[in-house]
Amino acid sequence: MRPTTQKITRSPPPRSRAGWKLLFDGKTLDGWSNFKKTTIKPGWQVKDGMLVCVDPHNAGDIVTAEKFGAFELQLDFKMAEGANSGIIFHVTDEGSAVWQTGPEIQLEDNPKAADPQKCGWLYGLYKPADDPKTGKPIDSTKPAGEWNHIRVVISPDGCVHEVNGVKYVEYVMGSEDFSKRVAASKFGKMPKFAKADAGYLALQGDHGEVSFRNIKIRSLAGKN
């Protein structure tokens, strides 16, 4: 028998120290749901203190109960071989999919995943400078099956992606450069893309097994 969707609690987890809020308590799926739903498909499970997409064929994208504007997000992620996922921010209910309104920070197993957009890039818009040692974009990710750490700052003053302590990209949402890049991408045909100042955070769950832990966020006061 196919598992049924899981009933979850929409209220977010409690706030932790120094303004950080835990988005995953390590025990339950509270504070998350599938996009535009009140439940979570059984492809998402809590395993050994991790939030895991165990079955990408029956998982879908999940979103936070709360919306965030300017923030710093940090989390650990681990990709299965060939898997890819993503962190999408400023998601609103105006699109039929999370990526129609929210920009995506790509997560993937770079050597084996099929998508040419690599881990830590802002999907279709920004990628790191080339590493002079390899002639290819900077890549500080660890092999499939090992934990990586990502830090993301999203603010009107500027946005930053760091993977395992290495800065990947910087950009300013809504700037002339940002707008030109959007217009030249597939997102240029999506009128609501990257237009919101705040929205849900989403985790993508349809391209292989991915695990998350230590998911925490803090609001950047006065930047929303």
N, C-alpha and C. Protein backbone atom coordinates (compact mmCIF):
# COMPACT_ATOMS: atom_id res chain seq x y z
N MET A 1 0.84 -1.19 0.00
CA MET A 1 0.00 0.00 0.00
C MET A 1 0.88 1.24 0.00
N ARG A 2 0.54 2.22 -0.82
CA ARG A 2 1.31 3.45 -0.89
C ARG A 2 1.07 4.30 0.35
N PRO A 3 2.14 4.82 0.97
CA PRO A 3 1.97 5.63 2.19
C PRO A 3 1.14 6.87 1.92
N THR A 4 0.43 7.30 2.91
CA THR A 4 -0.36 8.52 2.78
C THR A 4 0.50 9.71 3.17
N THR A 5 0.01 10.90 2.82
CA THR A 5 0.75 12.10 3.20
C THR A 5 0.75 12.25 4.71
N GLN A 6 1.75 12.92 5.22
CA GLN A 6 1.93 13.07 6.65
C GLN A 6 1.31 14.37 7.13
N LYS A 7 0.57 14.30 8.20
CA LYS A 7 0.02 15.49 8.82
C LYS A 7 1.14 16.20 9.58
N ILE A 8 1.23 17.49 9.40
CA ILE A 8 2.30 18.23 10.06
C ILE A 8 1.73 19.46 10.74
N THR A 9 2.55 20.05 11.60
CA THR A 9 2.18 21.27 12.30
C THR A 9 2.77 22.45 11.57
N ARG A 10 1.95 23.45 11.24
CA ARG A 10 2.44 24.58 10.45
C ARG A 10 3.20 25.60 11.29
N SER A 11 3.04 25.60 12.59
CA SER A 11 3.72 26.60 13.40
C SER A 11 5.22 26.36 13.38
N PRO A 12 6.03 27.42 13.27
CA PRO A 12 7.48 27.25 13.18
C PRO A 12 8.09 26.84 14.51
N PRO A 13 9.29 26.22 14.48
CA PRO A 13 9.97 25.85 15.72
C PRO A 13 10.34 27.09 16.52
N PRO A 14 10.63 26.93 17.82
CA PRO A 14 10.95 28.07 18.67
C PRO A 14 12.27 28.73 18.29
N ARG A 15 12.42 30.00 18.69
CA ARG A 15 13.64 30.76 18.41
C ARG A 15 14.76 30.28 19.34
N SER A 16 15.98 30.21 18.79
CA SER A 16 17.13 29.80 19.58
C SER A 16 17.94 31.03 19.99
N ARG A 17 19.16 30.82 20.45
CA ARG A 17 19.97 31.91 20.99
C ARG A 17 20.46 32.86 19.89
N ALA A 18 20.80 34.08 20.33
CA ALA A 18 21.45 35.09 19.48
C ALA A 18 20.64 35.40 18.23
N GLY A 19 19.32 35.29 18.33
CA GLY A 19 18.47 35.65 17.21
C GLY A 19 18.31 34.57 16.17
N TRP A 20 19.00 33.45 16.33
CA TRP A 20 18.88 32.35 15.38
C TRP A 20 17.60 31.56 15.65
N LYS A 21 16.94 31.15 14.62
CA LYS A 21 15.74 30.32 14.72
C LYS A 21 16.03 28.99 14.03
N LEU A 22 15.76 27.90 14.74
CA LEU A 22 15.92 26.58 14.15
C LEU A 22 14.71 26.28 13.27
N LEU A 23 14.96 25.94 12.03
CA LEU A 23 13.88 25.62 11.10
C LEU A 23 13.58 24.12 11.06
N PHE A 24 14.40 23.34 11.73
CA PHE A 24 14.20 21.90 11.81
C PHE A 24 14.68 21.44 13.17
N ASP A 25 13.78 20.78 13.93
CA ASP A 25 14.12 20.42 15.31
C ASP A 25 14.84 19.08 15.43
N GLY A 26 15.06 18.40 14.31
CA GLY A 26 15.76 17.12 14.33
C GLY A 26 14.89 15.93 14.69
N LYS A 27 13.61 16.20 14.97
CA LYS A 27 12.72 15.13 15.42
C LYS A 27 11.43 15.04 14.61
N THR A 28 10.93 16.19 14.15
CA THR A 28 9.64 16.22 13.47
C THR A 28 9.73 17.07 12.20
N LEU A 29 8.66 17.05 11.43
CA LEU A 29 8.55 17.87 10.23
C LEU A 29 7.76 19.15 10.50
N ASP A 30 7.58 19.46 11.78
CA ASP A 30 6.82 20.66 12.16
C ASP A 30 7.45 21.90 11.53
N GLY A 31 6.59 22.79 11.05
CA GLY A 31 7.06 24.03 10.44
C GLY A 31 7.29 23.94 8.95
N TRP A 32 7.03 22.77 8.36
CA TRP A 32 7.22 22.55 6.93
C TRP A 32 5.97 21.93 6.32
N SER A 33 5.76 22.16 5.04
CA SER A 33 4.70 21.49 4.30
C SER A 33 5.06 21.52 2.83
N ASN A 34 4.42 20.68 2.05
CA ASN A 34 4.57 20.82 0.61
C ASN A 34 3.97 22.13 0.15
N PHE A 35 4.48 22.67 -0.94
CA PHE A 35 4.05 23.96 -1.45
C PHE A 35 2.54 23.98 -1.69
N LYS A 36 1.89 24.98 -1.09
CA LYS A 36 0.43 25.18 -1.18
C LYS A 36 -0.37 24.02 -0.60
N LYS A 37 0.24 23.28 0.33
CA LYS A 37 -0.42 22.17 1.00
C LYS A 37 -0.30 22.34 2.51
N THR A 38 -1.01 21.51 3.25
CA THR A 38 -0.88 21.49 4.71
C THR A 38 -0.26 20.18 5.19
N THR A 39 0.17 19.35 4.25
CA THR A 39 0.77 18.06 4.56
C THR A 39 2.11 17.93 3.84
N ILE A 40 2.82 16.86 4.16
CA ILE A 40 4.08 16.54 3.49
C ILE A 40 4.00 15.12 2.95
N LYS A 41 4.41 14.95 1.72
CA LYS A 41 4.43 13.62 1.12
C LYS A 41 5.46 12.73 1.84
N PRO A 42 5.23 11.42 1.82
CA PRO A 42 6.10 10.52 2.60
C PRO A 42 7.51 10.38 2.06
N GLY A 43 7.80 11.00 0.91
CA GLY A 43 9.18 10.99 0.42
C GLY A 43 10.13 11.78 1.30
N TRP A 44 9.58 12.66 2.15
CA TRP A 44 10.38 13.38 3.14
C TRP A 44 10.25 12.68 4.49
N GLN A 45 11.38 12.40 5.13
CA GLN A 45 11.38 11.71 6.41
C GLN A 45 12.42 12.31 7.35
N VAL A 46 12.20 12.12 8.64
CA VAL A 46 13.21 12.45 9.64
C VAL A 46 13.95 11.15 9.97
N LYS A 47 15.27 11.16 9.75
CA LYS A 47 16.10 9.97 9.98
C LYS A 47 17.35 10.36 10.74
N ASP A 48 17.52 9.81 11.92
CA ASP A 48 18.74 10.03 12.71
C ASP A 48 19.06 11.52 12.85
N GLY A 49 18.02 12.31 13.13
CA GLY A 49 18.21 13.74 13.34
C GLY A 49 18.38 14.56 12.08
N MET A 50 18.14 13.94 10.92
CA MET A 50 18.28 14.63 9.64
C MET A 50 16.92 14.74 8.94
N LEU A 51 16.76 15.80 8.16
CA LEU A 51 15.61 15.95 7.27
C LEU A 51 16.04 15.40 5.92
N VAL A 52 15.41 14.32 5.48
CA VAL A 52 15.91 13.58 4.31
C VAL A 52 14.82 13.40 3.26
N CYS A 53 15.19 13.70 2.02
CA CYS A 53 14.35 13.32 0.89
C CYS A 53 14.75 11.90 0.52
N VAL A 54 13.97 10.93 0.98
CA VAL A 54 14.32 9.52 0.76
C VAL A 54 13.76 8.97 -0.53
N ASP A 55 12.71 9.62 -1.05
CA ASP A 55 12.06 9.16 -2.28
C ASP A 55 11.67 10.37 -3.11
N PRO A 56 12.52 10.79 -4.04
CA PRO A 56 12.22 11.99 -4.82
C PRO A 56 11.02 11.85 -5.73
N HIS A 57 10.53 10.61 -5.93
CA HIS A 57 9.34 10.41 -6.75
C HIS A 57 8.06 10.68 -5.98
N ASN A 58 8.19 10.82 -4.66
CA ASN A 58 7.00 11.06 -3.84
C ASN A 58 7.32 12.04 -2.72
N ALA A 59 8.00 13.13 -3.08
CA ALA A 59 8.42 14.11 -2.08
C ALA A 59 7.96 15.51 -2.45
N GLY A 60 8.41 16.04 -3.57
CA GLY A 60 8.05 17.41 -3.96
C GLY A 60 8.79 18.44 -3.14
N ASP A 61 8.57 19.69 -3.47
CA ASP A 61 9.22 20.79 -2.77
C ASP A 61 8.48 21.11 -1.48
N ILE A 62 9.24 21.39 -0.42
CA ILE A 62 8.62 21.76 0.85
C ILE A 62 8.99 23.20 1.20
N VAL A 63 8.10 23.86 1.92
CA VAL A 63 8.30 25.27 2.27
C VAL A 63 8.11 25.47 3.77
N THR A 64 8.70 26.56 4.26
CA THR A 64 8.54 26.93 5.66
C THR A 64 7.15 27.49 5.91
N ALA A 65 6.74 27.44 7.17
CA ALA A 65 5.47 28.06 7.55
C ALA A 65 5.58 29.58 7.56
N GLU A 66 6.77 30.06 7.83
CA GLU A 66 7.01 31.49 7.98
C GLU A 66 7.66 32.07 6.74
N LYS A 67 7.41 33.36 6.50
CA LYS A 67 8.06 34.08 5.41
C LYS A 67 9.25 34.86 5.96
N PHE A 68 10.26 35.04 5.12
CA PHE A 68 11.47 35.75 5.51
C PHE A 68 11.84 36.76 4.44
N GLY A 69 12.33 37.93 4.90
CA GLY A 69 12.74 38.98 3.99
C GLY A 69 14.25 39.01 3.87
N ALA A 70 14.90 39.84 4.69
CA ALA A 70 16.36 39.87 4.76
C ALA A 70 16.79 38.91 5.86
N PHE A 71 17.76 38.04 5.55
CA PHE A 71 18.11 37.00 6.51
C PHE A 71 19.49 36.43 6.22
N GLU A 72 20.01 35.74 7.23
CA GLU A 72 21.18 34.87 7.06
C GLU A 72 20.73 33.45 7.35
N LEU A 73 21.04 32.55 6.44
CA LEU A 73 20.67 31.14 6.56
C LEU A 73 21.94 30.30 6.56
N GLN A 74 21.99 29.34 7.49
CA GLN A 74 23.08 28.38 7.49
C GLN A 74 22.51 26.98 7.67
N LEU A 75 23.09 26.02 6.97
CA LEU A 75 22.67 24.63 7.11
C LEU A 75 23.75 23.71 6.57
N ASP A 76 23.64 22.44 6.96
CA ASP A 76 24.49 21.38 6.42
C ASP A 76 23.65 20.55 5.45
N PHE A 77 24.29 20.11 4.36
CA PHE A 77 23.59 19.26 3.41
C PHE A 77 24.52 18.16 2.91
N LYS A 78 23.92 17.04 2.53
CA LYS A 78 24.66 15.89 2.03
C LYS A 78 23.92 15.32 0.83
N MET A 79 24.62 15.22 -0.30
CA MET A 79 24.01 14.75 -1.53
C MET A 79 24.32 13.27 -1.75
N ALA A 80 23.33 12.52 -2.24
CA ALA A 80 23.61 11.18 -2.73
C ALA A 80 24.26 11.30 -4.11
N GLU A 81 24.88 10.25 -4.57
CA GLU A 81 25.56 10.29 -5.86
C GLU A 81 24.58 10.66 -6.98
N GLY A 82 24.94 11.69 -7.75
CA GLY A 82 24.13 12.11 -8.88
C GLY A 82 22.92 12.95 -8.53
N ALA A 83 22.72 13.26 -7.25
CA ALA A 83 21.51 13.98 -6.83
C ALA A 83 21.69 15.48 -6.98
N ASN A 84 20.57 16.17 -7.16
CA ASN A 84 20.58 17.62 -7.01
C ASN A 84 19.33 18.08 -6.31
N SER A 85 19.43 19.24 -5.70
CA SER A 85 18.34 19.82 -4.94
C SER A 85 18.51 21.33 -5.03
N GLY A 86 17.88 22.05 -4.12
CA GLY A 86 18.04 23.49 -4.14
C GLY A 86 17.38 24.13 -2.94
N ILE A 87 17.85 25.34 -2.63
CA ILE A 87 17.25 26.20 -1.62
C ILE A 87 16.65 27.37 -2.37
N ILE A 88 15.35 27.54 -2.27
CA ILE A 88 14.66 28.62 -2.98
C ILE A 88 14.15 29.60 -1.95
N PHE A 89 14.34 30.90 -2.20
CA PHE A 89 13.95 31.90 -1.21
C PHE A 89 12.99 32.92 -1.82
N HIS A 90 12.30 33.66 -0.95
CA HIS A 90 11.30 34.66 -1.35
C HIS A 90 10.22 34.03 -2.24
N VAL A 91 9.83 32.82 -1.87
CA VAL A 91 8.77 32.11 -2.59
C VAL A 91 7.42 32.66 -2.16
N THR A 92 6.54 32.91 -3.13
CA THR A 92 5.18 33.34 -2.81
C THR A 92 4.18 32.36 -3.40
N ASP A 93 2.92 32.55 -3.06
CA ASP A 93 1.86 31.67 -3.56
C ASP A 93 1.38 32.06 -4.96
N GLU A 94 2.02 33.06 -5.57
CA GLU A 94 1.57 33.54 -6.86
C GLU A 94 1.99 32.64 -8.03
N GLY A 95 2.95 31.78 -7.81
CA GLY A 95 3.38 30.86 -8.86
C GLY A 95 2.80 29.47 -8.65
N SER A 96 2.80 28.66 -9.71
CA SER A 96 2.34 27.29 -9.58
C SER A 96 3.46 26.36 -9.11
N ALA A 97 4.70 26.86 -9.13
CA ALA A 97 5.85 26.14 -8.60
C ALA A 97 6.72 27.14 -7.84
N VAL A 98 7.51 26.66 -6.90
CA VAL A 98 8.29 27.57 -6.06
C VAL A 98 9.27 28.40 -6.88
N TRP A 99 9.84 27.82 -7.94
CA TRP A 99 10.86 28.51 -8.73
C TRP A 99 10.28 29.55 -9.69
N GLN A 100 8.97 29.66 -9.76
CA GLN A 100 8.38 30.70 -10.60
C GLN A 100 8.39 32.07 -9.90
N THR A 101 8.59 32.07 -8.60
CA THR A 101 8.68 33.34 -7.87
C THR A 101 10.01 33.48 -7.13
N GLY A 102 10.61 32.38 -6.68
CA GLY A 102 11.80 32.46 -5.85
C GLY A 102 13.07 32.04 -6.56
N PRO A 103 14.15 32.81 -6.45
CA PRO A 103 15.45 32.39 -6.96
C PRO A 103 15.94 31.14 -6.23
N GLU A 104 16.71 30.33 -6.94
CA GLU A 104 17.17 29.05 -6.39
C GLU A 104 18.68 29.02 -6.23
N ILE A 105 19.12 28.59 -5.06
CA ILE A 105 20.53 28.30 -4.82
C ILE A 105 20.70 26.81 -5.06
N GLN A 106 21.43 26.48 -6.10
CA GLN A 106 21.57 25.09 -6.51
C GLN A 106 22.37 24.29 -5.50
N LEU A 107 21.94 23.05 -5.26
CA LEU A 107 22.68 22.07 -4.47
C LEU A 107 22.78 20.81 -5.32
N GLU A 108 24.00 20.27 -5.48
CA GLU A 108 24.09 19.03 -6.23
C GLU A 108 25.42 18.33 -6.02
N ASP A 109 25.43 17.06 -6.43
CA ASP A 109 26.67 16.30 -6.52
C ASP A 109 27.32 16.69 -7.84
N ASN A 110 28.24 17.63 -7.78
CA ASN A 110 28.79 18.21 -9.01
C ASN A 110 29.35 17.19 -10.01
N PRO A 111 30.11 16.18 -9.59
CA PRO A 111 30.69 15.28 -10.58
C PRO A 111 29.68 14.42 -11.33
N LYS A 112 28.58 14.06 -10.67
CA LYS A 112 27.68 13.07 -11.26
C LYS A 112 26.30 13.59 -11.66
N ALA A 113 25.87 14.73 -11.12
CA ALA A 113 24.54 15.23 -11.45
C ALA A 113 24.51 15.74 -12.89
N ALA A 114 23.35 15.63 -13.52
CA ALA A 114 23.22 15.96 -14.94
C ALA A 114 23.08 17.46 -15.19
N ASP A 115 22.62 18.22 -14.20
CA ASP A 115 22.35 19.64 -14.42
C ASP A 115 23.67 20.41 -14.53
N PRO A 116 23.84 21.23 -15.58
CA PRO A 116 25.08 22.02 -15.71
C PRO A 116 25.21 23.13 -14.69
N GLN A 117 24.12 23.50 -14.03
CA GLN A 117 24.19 24.49 -12.95
C GLN A 117 24.74 23.79 -11.71
N LYS A 118 25.84 24.29 -11.16
CA LYS A 118 26.55 23.58 -10.11
C LYS A 118 26.19 24.10 -8.71
N CYS A 119 26.65 23.32 -7.74
CA CYS A 119 26.31 23.58 -6.34
C CYS A 119 26.78 24.97 -5.89
N GLY A 120 25.90 25.69 -5.22
CA GLY A 120 26.20 27.01 -4.69
C GLY A 120 25.91 28.15 -5.63
N TRP A 121 25.63 27.86 -6.91
CA TRP A 121 25.33 28.91 -7.87
C TRP A 121 23.90 29.42 -7.66
N LEU A 122 23.65 30.69 -8.03
CA LEU A 122 22.27 31.17 -8.10
C LEU A 122 21.77 30.75 -9.47
N TYR A 123 20.84 29.83 -9.47
CA TYR A 123 20.47 29.08 -10.67
C TYR A 123 20.19 29.98 -11.88
N GLY A 124 20.96 29.76 -12.94
CA GLY A 124 20.76 30.46 -14.20
C GLY A 124 21.17 31.91 -14.20
N LEU A 125 21.74 32.41 -13.09
CA LEU A 125 22.01 33.84 -12.97
C LEU A 125 23.45 34.16 -12.58
N TYR A 126 23.96 33.55 -11.51
CA TYR A 126 25.30 33.88 -11.03
C TYR A 126 26.07 32.60 -10.71
N LYS A 127 27.35 32.58 -11.10
CA LYS A 127 28.23 31.48 -10.76
C LYS A 127 29.57 32.04 -10.31
N PRO A 128 30.39 31.24 -9.61
CA PRO A 128 31.67 31.74 -9.11
C PRO A 128 32.66 32.04 -10.24
N ALA A 129 33.67 32.82 -9.89
CA ALA A 129 34.77 33.06 -10.82
C ALA A 129 35.53 31.76 -11.05
N ASP A 130 36.31 31.71 -12.13
CA ASP A 130 37.10 30.52 -12.43
C ASP A 130 38.26 30.38 -11.46
N ASP A 131 38.51 29.15 -11.06
CA ASP A 131 39.67 28.81 -10.24
C ASP A 131 40.89 28.76 -11.16
N PRO A 132 41.92 29.57 -10.92
CA PRO A 132 43.09 29.56 -11.81
C PRO A 132 43.79 28.20 -11.88
N LYS A 133 43.59 27.36 -10.88
CA LYS A 133 44.24 26.05 -10.87
C LYS A 133 43.56 25.07 -11.82
N THR A 134 42.24 25.25 -12.02
CA THR A 134 41.49 24.30 -12.84
C THR A 134 40.93 24.91 -14.12
N GLY A 135 40.81 26.24 -14.15
CA GLY A 135 40.18 26.89 -15.29
C GLY A 135 38.68 26.74 -15.29
N LYS A 136 38.13 26.19 -14.22
CA LYS A 136 36.69 26.00 -14.08
C LYS A 136 36.19 26.79 -12.87
N PRO A 137 34.87 27.05 -12.79
CA PRO A 137 34.36 27.80 -11.64
C PRO A 137 34.76 27.17 -10.31
N ILE A 138 35.04 28.02 -9.34
CA ILE A 138 35.44 27.58 -8.00
C ILE A 138 34.47 26.52 -7.48
N ASP A 139 35.03 25.46 -6.92
CA ASP A 139 34.21 24.36 -6.40
C ASP A 139 34.83 23.86 -5.11
N SER A 140 34.19 24.16 -3.98
CA SER A 140 34.70 23.73 -2.68
C SER A 140 33.85 22.61 -2.08
N THR A 141 32.95 22.03 -2.89
CA THR A 141 32.07 20.99 -2.36
C THR A 141 32.83 19.70 -2.09
N LYS A 142 32.28 18.91 -1.19
CA LYS A 142 32.84 17.61 -0.85
C LYS A 142 32.12 16.51 -1.63
N PRO A 143 32.72 15.34 -1.75
CA PRO A 143 32.11 14.27 -2.54
C PRO A 143 30.75 13.84 -2.01
N ALA A 144 29.98 13.18 -2.88
CA ALA A 144 28.69 12.63 -2.49
C ALA A 144 28.85 11.79 -1.24
N GLY A 145 27.88 11.93 -0.33
CA GLY A 145 27.92 11.17 0.91
C GLY A 145 28.61 11.87 2.05
N GLU A 146 29.24 13.04 1.77
CA GLU A 146 29.90 13.80 2.83
C GLU A 146 29.12 15.10 3.08
N TRP A 147 29.21 15.60 4.32
CA TRP A 147 28.48 16.80 4.69
C TRP A 147 29.18 18.06 4.16
N ASN A 148 28.37 18.99 3.68
CA ASN A 148 28.81 20.31 3.28
C ASN A 148 28.07 21.34 4.13
N HIS A 149 28.67 22.53 4.25
CA HIS A 149 28.02 23.62 4.97
C HIS A 149 27.82 24.79 4.02
N ILE A 150 26.63 25.36 4.04
CA ILE A 150 26.35 26.53 3.19
C ILE A 150 25.87 27.68 4.06
N ARG A 151 26.35 28.86 3.74
CA ARG A 151 25.91 30.09 4.39
C ARG A 151 25.41 31.02 3.31
N VAL A 152 24.22 31.57 3.53
CA VAL A 152 23.60 32.46 2.56
C VAL A 152 23.13 33.72 3.27
N VAL A 153 23.47 34.86 2.73
CA VAL A 153 22.95 36.14 3.20
C VAL A 153 22.12 36.74 2.08
N ILE A 154 20.87 37.06 2.39
CA ILE A 154 19.98 37.71 1.43
C ILE A 154 19.55 39.03 2.05
N SER A 155 19.93 40.13 1.42
CA SER A 155 19.67 41.45 1.97
C SER A 155 19.61 42.46 0.82
N PRO A 156 18.82 43.53 0.98
CA PRO A 156 18.82 44.58 -0.04
C PRO A 156 20.19 45.20 -0.27
N ASP A 157 21.05 45.12 0.75
CA ASP A 157 22.40 45.68 0.62
C ASP A 157 23.34 44.78 -0.17
N GLY A 158 22.97 43.53 -0.34
CA GLY A 158 23.81 42.59 -1.06
C GLY A 158 23.59 41.17 -0.59
N CYS A 159 23.78 40.23 -1.49
CA CYS A 159 23.57 38.82 -1.20
C CYS A 159 24.88 38.06 -1.41
N VAL A 160 25.10 37.04 -0.59
CA VAL A 160 26.34 36.27 -0.62
C VAL A 160 26.01 34.79 -0.46
N HIS A 161 26.69 33.94 -1.23
CA HIS A 161 26.65 32.49 -1.03
C HIS A 161 28.05 32.02 -0.66
N GLU A 162 28.17 31.21 0.39
CA GLU A 162 29.44 30.60 0.76
C GLU A 162 29.22 29.10 0.94
N VAL A 163 30.11 28.31 0.39
CA VAL A 163 30.06 26.86 0.54
C VAL A 163 31.34 26.39 1.21
N ASN A 164 31.19 25.74 2.35
CA ASN A 164 32.34 25.26 3.13
C ASN A 164 33.36 26.37 3.36
N GLY A 165 32.84 27.56 3.67
CA GLY A 165 33.67 28.69 4.02
C GLY A 165 34.27 29.45 2.86
N VAL A 166 33.95 29.05 1.63
CA VAL A 166 34.48 29.71 0.44
C VAL A 166 33.39 30.56 -0.21
N LYS A 167 33.70 31.84 -0.43
CA LYS A 167 32.72 32.73 -1.06
C LYS A 167 32.57 32.37 -2.53
N TYR A 168 31.33 32.19 -2.95
CA TYR A 168 31.03 31.82 -4.34
C TYR A 168 30.59 33.02 -5.17
N VAL A 169 29.51 33.67 -4.73
CA VAL A 169 28.94 34.76 -5.53
C VAL A 169 28.47 35.88 -4.61
N GLU A 170 28.42 37.08 -5.19
CA GLU A 170 27.80 38.24 -4.57
C GLU A 170 26.93 38.93 -5.61
N TYR A 171 25.77 39.43 -5.20
CA TYR A 171 24.88 40.13 -6.12
C TYR A 171 23.91 40.98 -5.31
N VAL A 172 23.23 41.88 -6.00
CA VAL A 172 22.24 42.74 -5.37
C VAL A 172 20.90 42.50 -6.07
N MET A 173 19.94 42.01 -5.32
CA MET A 173 18.61 41.77 -5.87
C MET A 173 18.02 43.07 -6.42
N GLY A 174 17.48 43.01 -7.63
CA GLY A 174 16.83 44.17 -8.21
C GLY A 174 17.76 45.19 -8.83
N SER A 175 19.07 44.95 -8.76
CA SER A 175 20.03 45.87 -9.38
C SER A 175 19.93 45.78 -10.90
N GLU A 176 20.59 46.72 -11.57
CA GLU A 176 20.58 46.70 -13.03
C GLU A 176 21.21 45.40 -13.57
N ASP A 177 22.32 44.99 -12.95
CA ASP A 177 22.97 43.76 -13.38
C ASP A 177 22.07 42.55 -13.16
N PHE A 178 21.46 42.48 -11.97
CA PHE A 178 20.57 41.37 -11.65
C PHE A 178 19.41 41.32 -12.64
N SER A 179 18.78 42.46 -12.89
CA SER A 179 17.62 42.52 -13.78
C SER A 179 17.98 42.10 -15.20
N LYS A 180 19.16 42.51 -15.67
CA LYS A 180 19.60 42.12 -17.01
C LYS A 180 19.79 40.61 -17.11
N ARG A 181 20.36 40.04 -16.08
CA ARG A 181 20.58 38.59 -16.08
C ARG A 181 19.25 37.83 -16.06
N VAL A 182 18.31 38.32 -15.26
CA VAL A 182 16.99 37.68 -15.23
C VAL A 182 16.34 37.76 -16.60
N ALA A 183 16.37 38.92 -17.22
CA ALA A 183 15.74 39.11 -18.52
C ALA A 183 16.33 38.20 -19.59
N ALA A 184 17.62 37.89 -19.48
CA ALA A 184 18.29 37.05 -20.47
C ALA A 184 18.14 35.56 -20.17
N SER A 185 17.54 35.22 -19.04
CA SER A 185 17.38 33.82 -18.63
C SER A 185 15.95 33.34 -18.89
N LYS A 186 15.71 32.08 -18.58
CA LYS A 186 14.36 31.54 -18.72
C LYS A 186 13.38 32.21 -17.76
N PHE A 187 13.91 32.81 -16.69
CA PHE A 187 13.06 33.46 -15.70
C PHE A 187 12.49 34.79 -16.20
N GLY A 188 13.07 35.30 -17.29
CA GLY A 188 12.57 36.56 -17.85
C GLY A 188 11.14 36.47 -18.32
N LYS A 189 10.66 35.26 -18.55
CA LYS A 189 9.27 35.06 -18.99
C LYS A 189 8.32 34.83 -17.82
N MET A 190 8.84 34.93 -16.61
CA MET A 190 8.02 34.71 -15.42
C MET A 190 7.84 36.05 -14.71
N PRO A 191 6.68 36.69 -14.85
CA PRO A 191 6.51 38.07 -14.37
C PRO A 191 6.65 38.26 -12.87
N LYS A 192 6.47 37.21 -12.09
CA LYS A 192 6.54 37.34 -10.63
C LYS A 192 7.89 36.89 -10.08
N PHE A 193 8.82 36.50 -10.94
CA PHE A 193 10.11 35.98 -10.47
C PHE A 193 10.94 37.06 -9.80
N ALA A 194 11.40 36.76 -8.59
CA ALA A 194 12.31 37.65 -7.83
C ALA A 194 11.73 39.04 -7.63
N LYS A 195 10.43 39.14 -7.53
CA LYS A 195 9.80 40.45 -7.33
C LYS A 195 9.43 40.72 -5.87
N ALA A 196 9.30 39.66 -5.08
CA ALA A 196 8.87 39.83 -3.68
C ALA A 196 10.05 40.17 -2.78
N ASP A 197 9.78 41.00 -1.77
CA ASP A 197 10.80 41.36 -0.79
C ASP A 197 10.90 40.33 0.33
N ALA A 198 9.92 39.43 0.39
CA ALA A 198 9.91 38.40 1.42
C ALA A 198 9.10 37.22 0.91
N GLY A 199 9.35 36.06 1.50
CA GLY A 199 8.59 34.88 1.09
C GLY A 199 9.05 33.66 1.87
N TYR A 200 8.48 32.52 1.51
CA TYR A 200 8.85 31.26 2.14
C TYR A 200 10.25 30.83 1.69
N LEU A 201 10.89 30.01 2.49
CA LEU A 201 12.05 29.25 2.07
C LEU A 201 11.56 27.88 1.60
N ALA A 202 12.17 27.36 0.56
CA ALA A 202 11.78 26.05 0.05
C ALA A 202 13.01 25.17 -0.10
N LEU A 203 12.81 23.87 0.07
CA LEU A 203 13.82 22.86 -0.21
C LEU A 203 13.27 21.97 -1.31
N GLN A 204 14.09 21.74 -2.33
CA GLN A 204 13.64 20.97 -3.48
C GLN A 204 13.81 19.48 -3.22
N GLY A 205 12.83 18.71 -3.64
CA GLY A 205 12.87 17.29 -3.34
C GLY A 205 12.47 16.37 -4.47
N ASP A 206 12.97 16.62 -5.69
CA ASP A 206 12.54 15.77 -6.80
C ASP A 206 13.67 15.30 -7.71
N HIS A 207 14.93 15.42 -7.25
CA HIS A 207 16.05 15.02 -8.11
C HIS A 207 17.10 14.21 -7.36
N GLY A 208 16.67 13.24 -6.58
CA GLY A 208 17.61 12.39 -5.87
C GLY A 208 17.58 12.60 -4.37
N GLU A 209 18.29 11.73 -3.66
CA GLU A 209 18.28 11.78 -2.20
C GLU A 209 19.20 12.88 -1.70
N VAL A 210 18.69 13.68 -0.78
CA VAL A 210 19.46 14.75 -0.16
C VAL A 210 19.08 14.82 1.31
N SER A 211 20.07 15.11 2.15
CA SER A 211 19.84 15.19 3.59
C SER A 211 20.23 16.58 4.09
N PHE A 212 19.49 17.07 5.08
CA PHE A 212 19.76 18.37 5.69
C PHE A 212 19.82 18.22 7.21
N ARG A 213 20.62 19.09 7.84
CA ARG A 213 20.65 19.15 9.30
C ARG A 213 21.11 20.56 9.70
N ASN A 214 20.92 20.88 10.98
CA ASN A 214 21.37 22.17 11.53
C ASN A 214 20.87 23.35 10.69
N ILE A 215 19.60 23.34 10.35
CA ILE A 215 19.01 24.40 9.53
C ILE A 215 18.61 25.55 10.45
N LYS A 216 19.29 26.67 10.31
CA LYS A 216 18.98 27.82 11.17
C LYS A 216 19.00 29.10 10.37
N ILE A 217 18.21 30.08 10.84
CA ILE A 217 18.05 31.34 10.14
C ILE A 217 17.96 32.47 11.15
N ARG A 218 18.44 33.63 10.78
CA ARG A 218 18.25 34.81 11.63
C ARG A 218 17.88 35.99 10.75
N SER A 219 16.92 36.75 11.23
CA SER A 219 16.49 37.94 10.51
C SER A 219 17.56 39.02 10.63
N LEU A 220 17.77 39.75 9.54
CA LEU A 220 18.68 40.88 9.54
C LEU A 220 17.84 42.12 9.78
N ALA A 221 17.75 42.51 11.03
CA ALA A 221 16.86 43.60 11.46
C ALA A 221 17.12 44.86 10.66
N GLY A 222 16.03 45.47 10.23
CA GLY A 222 16.12 46.74 9.51
C GLY A 222 16.45 46.60 8.05
N LYS A 223 16.61 45.33 7.57
CA LYS A 223 16.97 45.12 6.17
C LYS A 223 15.79 44.64 5.33
N ASN A 224 14.67 44.30 5.97
CA ASN A 224 13.51 43.80 5.24
C ASN A 224 12.87 44.88 4.39
